[in-house]
Amino acid sequence: MVPVAPPYTIDDFYTPAEVDALFGVVKNHGPWPLISALHFKTAEEFLAVAGGPNRPKDAKLTDYTSPSFRGYFAQDGVCFYDEVYDIYFSKRLIEIAKKLHGAEYGMAHNMLFNLAGPSHSYDAGHFDGATWRGINLHNCPLWLIAVMAKSGLFDRYKVKTAQVITYFYESGIDGGFTYWPDGPDRAPQRFVPPFHNTAMVSDNSEMYHRREANGPRELRDCPELDITTVVDWAGNDEWVLSNDGREIGRFDEANRRVLFHWTGLVFRDRAEVTAYLEHTDDLTLDKVFEIFLADLRERGIPCTEPSDPATDPEFIQLLNTTYAMSPQQYPDEAPLDTKAPAA
């Protein structure tokens, strides 16, 4: 997978008022769940999206969970917070997205934030959830979207996307961004902090990338972290982690890493817009699984059709194995973290 163009950065992207509005939502509308809790139910689902070449048996989702949290400002054309309405629908963002692909038309799709305290990164590299006509993050599991993209079987249905991701991480302790602009089998490159209102323009649905571990190394472990952990603003420059209302940890503003992630959909011409809006050539989940099963048969891979392919662990593992793809190299400065086995 190779992006339409390498990513590039823009300094001081948002105005001070826009920065205040974005952080205001994060601080005033929590608590916020873990990224893992939003998108995954099992380790196999995580590994389909962000697994490396070595995939241990009997892995648990908590083996790949770190204190990295997510919330949505807007989804699929609906803005949830008036404070960021004009940002989400910004003509500037849409024009940047169109220019990246040389497209004539564009629209705002999703806008979210990620907030991480000092933490490891067990993400071996992933690409952002793609959009196809009829299938996207709002009606399809993220693991399935990842395998669909890796397989290459659905490319004719794909809608082009562009991302503008704006980082705030002023610490110099790790916390960079690793990306593979020449494909996952080639050497990676990095953007390194400090970041302050630093935007990266990218084709992230076609490019492997990952958050690097960040914060003081001695603070990266959070023994009581589990899939129910949430984060909230505590005031006095601190964020608090809690499980069912019980505090399990804190981190301060100096060690937090935040990104504001905007995604736009772009279209080459009116015909592409019409196909997307009028659903004249859409995928459905049933059609997706029919295509996968036909491809498995053509490859000579035995498979009994499961009653619920979207949740069947053995079927998910089979698709993961059949269409496996992941980065092979990591920067010396930002190796892939692995969780030590329990004593």
Protein backbone atom coordinates (compact mmCIF):
# COMPACT_ATOMS: atom_id res chain seq x y z
CA MET A 1 0.00 0.00 0.00
CA VAL A 2 1.44 3.32 -1.14
CA PRO A 3 -0.11 6.79 -0.68
CA VAL A 4 -0.93 9.08 -3.59
CA ALA A 5 1.82 11.41 -2.31
CA PRO A 6 4.18 11.48 0.67
CA PRO A 7 2.87 13.30 3.75
CA TYR A 8 3.94 16.86 4.46
CA THR A 9 3.58 19.19 7.42
CA ILE A 10 2.14 22.67 7.99
CA ASP A 11 3.22 24.61 11.08
CA ASP A 12 0.80 26.63 13.23
CA PHE A 13 -2.17 25.13 11.41
CA TYR A 14 -5.11 26.17 13.59
CA THR A 15 -5.72 29.69 14.88
CA PRO A 16 -5.42 30.23 18.66
CA ALA A 17 -9.23 30.45 18.88
CA GLU A 18 -9.60 27.14 17.01
CA VAL A 19 -7.04 25.46 19.27
CA ASP A 20 -8.95 26.67 22.33
CA ALA A 21 -12.22 25.36 20.89
CA LEU A 22 -10.80 21.92 20.14
CA PHE A 23 -9.14 21.49 23.52
CA GLY A 24 -12.24 22.92 25.16
CA VAL A 25 -14.36 20.05 23.85
CA VAL A 26 -11.80 17.48 25.00
CA LYS A 27 -11.56 18.98 28.48
CA ASN A 28 -15.24 19.79 29.02
CA HIS A 29 -17.07 16.82 27.51
CA GLY A 30 -15.27 13.78 28.92
CA PRO A 31 -14.76 11.16 30.10
CA TRP A 32 -13.37 9.47 27.00
CA PRO A 33 -12.88 5.74 26.28
CA LEU A 34 -9.81 3.84 25.17
CA ILE A 35 -9.26 3.49 21.43
CA SER A 36 -9.22 -0.28 21.96
CA ALA A 37 -12.62 -0.15 23.67
CA LEU A 38 -14.16 1.78 20.78
CA HIS A 39 -12.98 -0.48 17.98
CA PHE A 40 -12.06 -4.00 19.16
CA LYS A 41 -13.63 -6.90 21.04
CA THR A 42 -10.79 -9.44 20.74
CA ALA A 43 -7.06 -9.62 20.15
CA GLU A 44 -7.70 -11.07 16.69
CA GLU A 45 -9.64 -7.96 15.72
CA PHE A 46 -6.77 -5.75 16.90
CA LEU A 47 -4.20 -7.89 15.07
CA ALA A 48 -6.18 -7.61 11.83
CA VAL A 49 -5.66 -3.85 11.99
CA ALA A 50 -2.32 -3.31 13.73
CA GLY A 51 -0.64 -6.69 14.13
CA GLY A 52 2.99 -7.30 13.23
CA PRO A 53 4.61 -10.26 11.48
CA ASN A 54 4.80 -12.28 14.73
CA ARG A 55 1.33 -12.96 16.12
CA PRO A 56 1.38 -14.94 19.37
CA LYS A 57 -1.22 -17.58 20.07
CA ASP A 58 -3.64 -17.05 22.94
CA ALA A 59 -3.07 -13.29 22.91
CA LYS A 60 -5.54 -11.12 24.79
CA LEU A 61 -6.76 -7.68 23.79
CA THR A 62 -5.26 -6.25 26.98
CA ASP A 63 -1.82 -7.34 25.72
CA TYR A 64 -2.12 -4.53 23.15
CA THR A 65 -3.94 -1.93 25.21
CA SER A 66 -2.24 1.30 26.28
CA PRO A 67 -3.61 4.54 27.81
CA SER A 68 -4.53 6.07 24.48
CA PHE A 69 -8.06 7.47 24.28
CA ARG A 70 -10.41 8.70 21.56
CA GLY A 71 -13.46 10.86 21.06
CA TYR A 72 -15.35 12.03 17.98
CA PHE A 73 -16.05 15.67 17.18
CA ALA A 74 -18.05 14.70 14.09
CA GLN A 75 -19.00 11.69 12.00
CA ASP A 76 -20.12 11.41 8.40
CA GLY A 77 -21.30 14.99 8.03
CA VAL A 78 -22.76 15.43 11.53
CA CYS A 79 -20.92 17.71 13.98
CA PHE A 80 -21.59 16.90 17.65
CA TYR A 81 -20.22 20.09 19.22
CA ASP A 82 -21.14 23.61 18.13
CA GLU A 83 -17.74 24.86 19.29
CA VAL A 84 -15.97 23.07 16.42
CA TYR A 85 -18.68 23.25 13.74
CA ASP A 86 -16.83 25.77 11.58
CA ILE A 87 -13.59 23.82 11.90
CA TYR A 88 -15.12 20.53 10.80
CA PHE A 89 -16.78 22.09 7.75
CA SER A 90 -13.78 24.32 6.97
CA LYS A 91 -13.30 25.11 3.30
CA ARG A 92 -9.56 25.25 3.98
CA LEU A 93 -9.52 21.61 5.07
CA ILE A 94 -11.62 20.48 2.12
CA GLU A 95 -9.39 22.34 -0.34
CA ILE A 96 -6.28 20.70 1.15
CA ALA A 97 -7.91 17.28 0.74
CA LYS A 98 -8.93 17.94 -2.85
CA LYS A 99 -5.48 19.21 -3.77
CA LEU A 100 -3.77 16.10 -2.41
CA HIS A 101 -5.66 13.92 -4.90
CA GLY A 102 -6.22 16.44 -7.69
CA ALA A 103 -9.95 16.01 -7.09
CA GLU A 104 -12.74 18.38 -8.12
CA TYR A 105 -15.13 17.75 -5.21
CA GLY A 106 -14.79 17.01 -1.51
CA MET A 107 -16.73 16.70 1.72
CA ALA A 108 -16.02 16.49 5.44
CA HIS A 109 -16.21 12.91 6.70
CA ASN A 110 -14.93 12.27 10.25
CA MET A 111 -13.15 14.37 12.86
CA LEU A 112 -11.75 12.89 16.06
CA PHE A 113 -9.03 13.30 18.62
CA ASN A 114 -6.58 10.88 20.22
CA LEU A 115 -5.23 11.65 23.68
CA ALA A 116 -2.37 9.61 25.13
CA GLY A 117 -0.60 9.82 28.44
CA PRO A 118 2.85 8.29 28.93
CA SER A 119 2.46 4.96 27.20
CA HIS A 120 3.93 2.15 25.18
CA SER A 121 2.88 1.65 21.58
CA TYR A 122 1.91 -1.91 20.70
CA ASP A 123 0.65 -0.79 17.30
CA ALA A 124 2.87 -2.51 14.73
CA GLY A 125 1.59 -0.16 12.04
CA HIS A 126 -1.84 0.39 10.56
CA PHE A 127 -3.65 2.44 7.96
CA ASP A 128 -6.75 4.50 8.62
CA GLY A 129 -10.14 2.91 8.08
CA ALA A 130 -10.95 3.16 4.40
CA THR A 131 -14.29 4.10 2.87
CA TRP A 132 -15.97 2.18 0.08
CA ARG A 133 -19.30 2.87 -1.54
CA GLY A 134 -21.74 1.32 0.93
CA ILE A 135 -19.13 0.38 3.56
CA ASN A 136 -17.35 2.56 6.11
CA LEU A 137 -16.45 2.75 9.79
CA HIS A 138 -20.04 3.49 10.75
CA ASN A 139 -21.54 0.25 9.46
CA CYS A 140 -18.61 -2.16 9.39
CA PRO A 141 -16.14 -3.46 12.01
CA LEU A 142 -12.70 -1.87 11.79
CA TRP A 143 -10.99 -5.26 11.59
CA LEU A 144 -12.99 -6.12 8.47
CA ILE A 145 -12.22 -2.78 6.84
CA ALA A 146 -8.51 -3.45 7.40
CA VAL A 147 -8.62 -6.91 5.83
CA MET A 148 -10.68 -5.63 2.92
CA ALA A 149 -8.02 -3.03 2.19
CA LYS A 150 -5.15 -5.51 2.47
CA SER A 151 -6.86 -8.00 0.15
CA GLY A 152 -7.17 -5.61 -2.79
CA LEU A 153 -10.45 -7.31 -3.72
CA PHE A 154 -12.59 -4.21 -3.29
CA ASP A 155 -10.49 -1.45 -4.83
CA ARG A 156 -13.02 -0.53 -7.50
CA TYR A 157 -15.48 0.49 -4.76
CA LYS A 158 -13.02 2.60 -2.77
CA VAL A 159 -13.60 6.30 -2.13
CA LYS A 160 -10.46 8.44 -1.94
CA THR A 161 -9.73 10.09 1.39
CA ALA A 162 -7.31 12.65 2.74
CA GLN A 163 -6.33 13.37 6.33
CA VAL A 164 -5.18 16.51 8.11
CA ILE A 165 -3.80 15.43 11.48
CA THR A 166 -2.62 18.15 13.84
CA TYR A 167 -0.27 17.21 16.68
CA PHE A 168 0.41 18.70 20.09
CA TYR A 169 3.27 17.05 21.98
CA GLU A 170 5.89 19.42 23.26
CA SER A 171 7.95 16.88 25.16
CA GLY A 172 11.17 15.68 23.57
CA ILE A 173 10.74 12.17 24.98
CA ASP A 174 9.97 9.94 21.99
CA GLY A 175 6.37 10.39 20.78
CA GLY A 176 7.04 10.72 17.07
CA PHE A 177 5.14 9.45 14.04
CA THR A 178 6.53 6.53 12.02
CA TYR A 179 5.25 6.07 8.49
CA TRP A 180 5.98 3.84 5.49
CA PRO A 181 5.47 6.01 2.37
CA ASP A 182 7.03 3.44 0.03
CA GLY A 183 5.06 0.47 1.33
CA PRO A 184 5.25 -1.75 4.42
CA ASP A 185 8.10 -3.81 3.00
CA ARG A 186 10.35 -0.75 2.65
CA ALA A 187 12.20 1.40 5.17
CA PRO A 188 10.08 3.73 7.31
CA GLN A 189 10.44 7.45 7.85
CA ARG A 190 9.59 9.62 10.85
CA PHE A 191 8.23 12.97 11.93
CA VAL A 192 9.80 13.77 15.29
CA PRO A 193 8.60 16.06 18.10
CA PRO A 194 8.26 18.53 19.59
CA PHE A 195 4.92 19.22 17.93
CA HIS A 196 2.85 22.30 18.59
CA ASN A 197 -0.09 22.81 16.27
CA THR A 198 1.82 20.86 13.62
CA ALA A 199 -0.47 19.52 10.89
CA MET A 200 0.40 16.55 8.72
CA VAL A 201 -1.41 16.19 5.40
CA SER A 202 -1.56 12.58 4.30
CA ASP A 203 -3.28 9.79 2.42
CA ASN A 204 -3.39 7.66 5.57
CA SER A 205 -5.90 5.12 4.31
CA GLU A 206 -3.23 4.02 1.82
CA MET A 207 -0.13 4.37 4.03
CA TYR A 208 1.04 2.34 7.00
CA HIS A 209 1.85 4.50 10.02
CA ARG A 210 1.96 4.32 13.81
CA ARG A 211 2.08 6.37 16.98
CA GLU A 212 5.40 5.93 18.71
CA ALA A 213 5.64 5.36 22.47
CA ASN A 214 5.68 8.62 24.36
CA GLY A 215 6.34 10.15 27.76
CA PRO A 216 8.87 9.27 30.46
CA ARG A 217 9.73 5.60 30.18
CA GLU A 218 9.28 4.96 33.89
CA LEU A 219 5.67 6.20 33.64
CA ARG A 220 4.53 4.17 30.63
CA ASP A 221 3.19 1.16 32.51
CA CYS A 222 -0.30 1.41 33.96
CA PRO A 223 -0.89 -1.87 35.85
CA GLU A 224 -4.59 -1.30 36.53
CA LEU A 225 -5.48 -0.29 32.98
CA ASP A 226 -8.29 -2.38 31.53
CA ILE A 227 -10.73 -2.09 28.65
CA THR A 228 -13.15 -0.03 30.77
CA THR A 229 -10.60 2.66 31.68
CA VAL A 230 -11.57 6.23 30.77
CA VAL A 231 -9.75 9.56 30.90
CA ASP A 232 -11.07 12.94 31.99
CA TRP A 233 -9.73 16.42 32.57
CA ALA A 234 -9.08 17.00 36.27
CA GLY A 235 -7.98 20.62 36.12
CA ASN A 236 -4.68 21.93 37.48
CA ASP A 237 -2.90 20.69 34.34
CA GLU A 238 -3.77 17.06 35.07
CA TRP A 239 -5.71 14.23 33.43
CA VAL A 240 -7.15 11.42 35.53
CA LEU A 241 -7.61 7.75 34.58
CA SER A 242 -10.39 5.80 36.25
CA ASN A 243 -12.12 2.42 36.24
CA ASP A 244 -15.81 2.61 37.16
CA GLY A 245 -15.24 5.88 39.00
CA ARG A 246 -12.14 4.70 40.86
CA GLU A 247 -8.97 6.64 40.09
CA ILE A 248 -6.09 4.47 38.88
CA GLY A 249 -3.61 7.09 37.67
CA ARG A 250 -2.87 10.61 36.51
CA PHE A 251 -0.63 12.36 34.02
CA ASP A 252 0.13 16.01 33.47
CA GLU A 253 -0.14 18.29 30.46
CA ALA A 254 3.63 18.23 29.92
CA ASN A 255 3.45 14.51 29.13
CA ARG A 256 0.23 14.29 27.12
CA ARG A 257 0.23 13.71 23.38
CA VAL A 258 -2.84 14.90 21.46
CA LEU A 259 -3.81 14.82 17.82
CA PHE A 260 -6.83 16.28 16.05
CA HIS A 261 -7.65 14.08 13.07
CA TRP A 262 -9.82 15.34 10.21
CA THR A 263 -10.75 13.12 7.26
CA GLY A 264 -12.30 14.27 4.01
CA LEU A 265 -13.75 12.27 1.12
CA VAL A 266 -12.81 13.46 -2.36
CA PHE A 267 -14.21 12.76 -5.80
CA ARG A 268 -12.60 13.12 -9.20
CA ASP A 269 -15.80 14.23 -10.96
CA ARG A 270 -19.59 14.45 -10.68
CA ALA A 271 -19.97 10.83 -11.76
CA GLU A 272 -18.03 9.69 -8.67
CA VAL A 273 -20.13 11.99 -6.47
CA THR A 274 -23.34 10.58 -7.95
CA ALA A 275 -22.25 6.96 -7.47
CA TYR A 276 -21.46 7.71 -3.82
CA LEU A 277 -24.59 9.70 -2.98
CA GLU A 278 -27.12 7.67 -4.97
CA HIS A 279 -25.71 4.25 -3.98
CA THR A 280 -25.80 2.97 -7.54
CA ASP A 281 -22.83 0.62 -7.11
CA ASP A 282 -22.52 -0.14 -3.39
CA LEU A 283 -21.04 -2.94 -1.36
CA THR A 284 -22.99 -4.62 1.43
CA LEU A 285 -21.61 -6.78 4.22
CA ASP A 286 -23.19 -9.85 2.61
CA LYS A 287 -21.51 -9.03 -0.69
CA VAL A 288 -18.16 -8.47 1.06
CA PHE A 289 -18.26 -11.92 2.64
CA GLU A 290 -19.39 -13.51 -0.64
CA ILE A 291 -16.34 -12.01 -2.36
CA PHE A 292 -14.01 -13.20 0.40
CA LEU A 293 -15.43 -16.74 0.36
CA ALA A 294 -15.13 -16.92 -3.42
CA ASP A 295 -11.51 -15.79 -3.24
CA LEU A 296 -10.69 -18.35 -0.54
CA ARG A 297 -12.18 -21.10 -2.72
CA GLU A 298 -10.17 -19.89 -5.71
CA ARG A 299 -7.01 -20.01 -3.60
CA GLY A 300 -7.85 -23.58 -2.54
CA ILE A 301 -8.18 -22.60 1.11
CA PRO A 302 -10.79 -24.72 2.90
CA CYS A 303 -13.40 -22.70 4.73
CA THR A 304 -16.82 -23.45 6.14
CA GLU A 305 -19.02 -20.40 5.93
CA PRO A 306 -19.66 -19.24 9.50
CA SER A 307 -23.12 -18.28 10.70
CA ASP A 308 -21.84 -14.84 11.74
CA PRO A 309 -18.64 -14.09 9.81
CA ALA A 310 -18.30 -10.61 11.32
CA THR A 311 -17.66 -12.03 14.80
CA ASP A 312 -16.48 -15.62 14.26
CA PRO A 313 -12.93 -15.82 15.78
CA GLU A 314 -11.72 -18.64 13.53
CA PHE A 315 -12.94 -16.90 10.39
CA ILE A 316 -11.34 -13.61 11.45
CA GLN A 317 -8.07 -15.45 12.06
CA LEU A 318 -8.31 -17.16 8.66
CA LEU A 319 -8.77 -13.85 6.85
CA ASN A 320 -5.95 -12.30 8.90
CA THR A 321 -3.61 -15.09 7.87
CA THR A 322 -4.66 -15.22 4.22
CA TYR A 323 -4.30 -11.49 3.60
CA ALA A 324 -1.52 -10.79 6.10
CA MET A 325 0.43 -7.59 5.56
CA SER A 326 2.49 -5.56 8.01
CA PRO A 327 5.62 -3.42 8.20
CA GLN A 328 8.90 -5.31 8.42
CA GLN A 329 11.27 -2.58 9.64
CA TYR A 330 11.17 -0.03 12.46
CA PRO A 331 13.40 2.94 13.24
CA ASP A 332 16.13 2.25 15.78
CA GLU A 333 14.87 5.30 17.68
CA ALA A 334 11.30 3.95 17.81
CA PRO A 335 11.20 0.15 18.10
CA LEU A 336 7.97 -1.80 18.40
CA ASP A 337 6.99 -2.36 22.04
CA THR A 338 5.94 -5.79 23.24
CA LYS A 339 4.34 -6.51 26.57
CA ALA A 340 6.37 -8.74 28.89
CA PRO A 341 4.53 -11.93 29.85
CA ALA A 342 2.99 -11.98 33.31
CA ALA A 343 5.17 -13.59 35.98
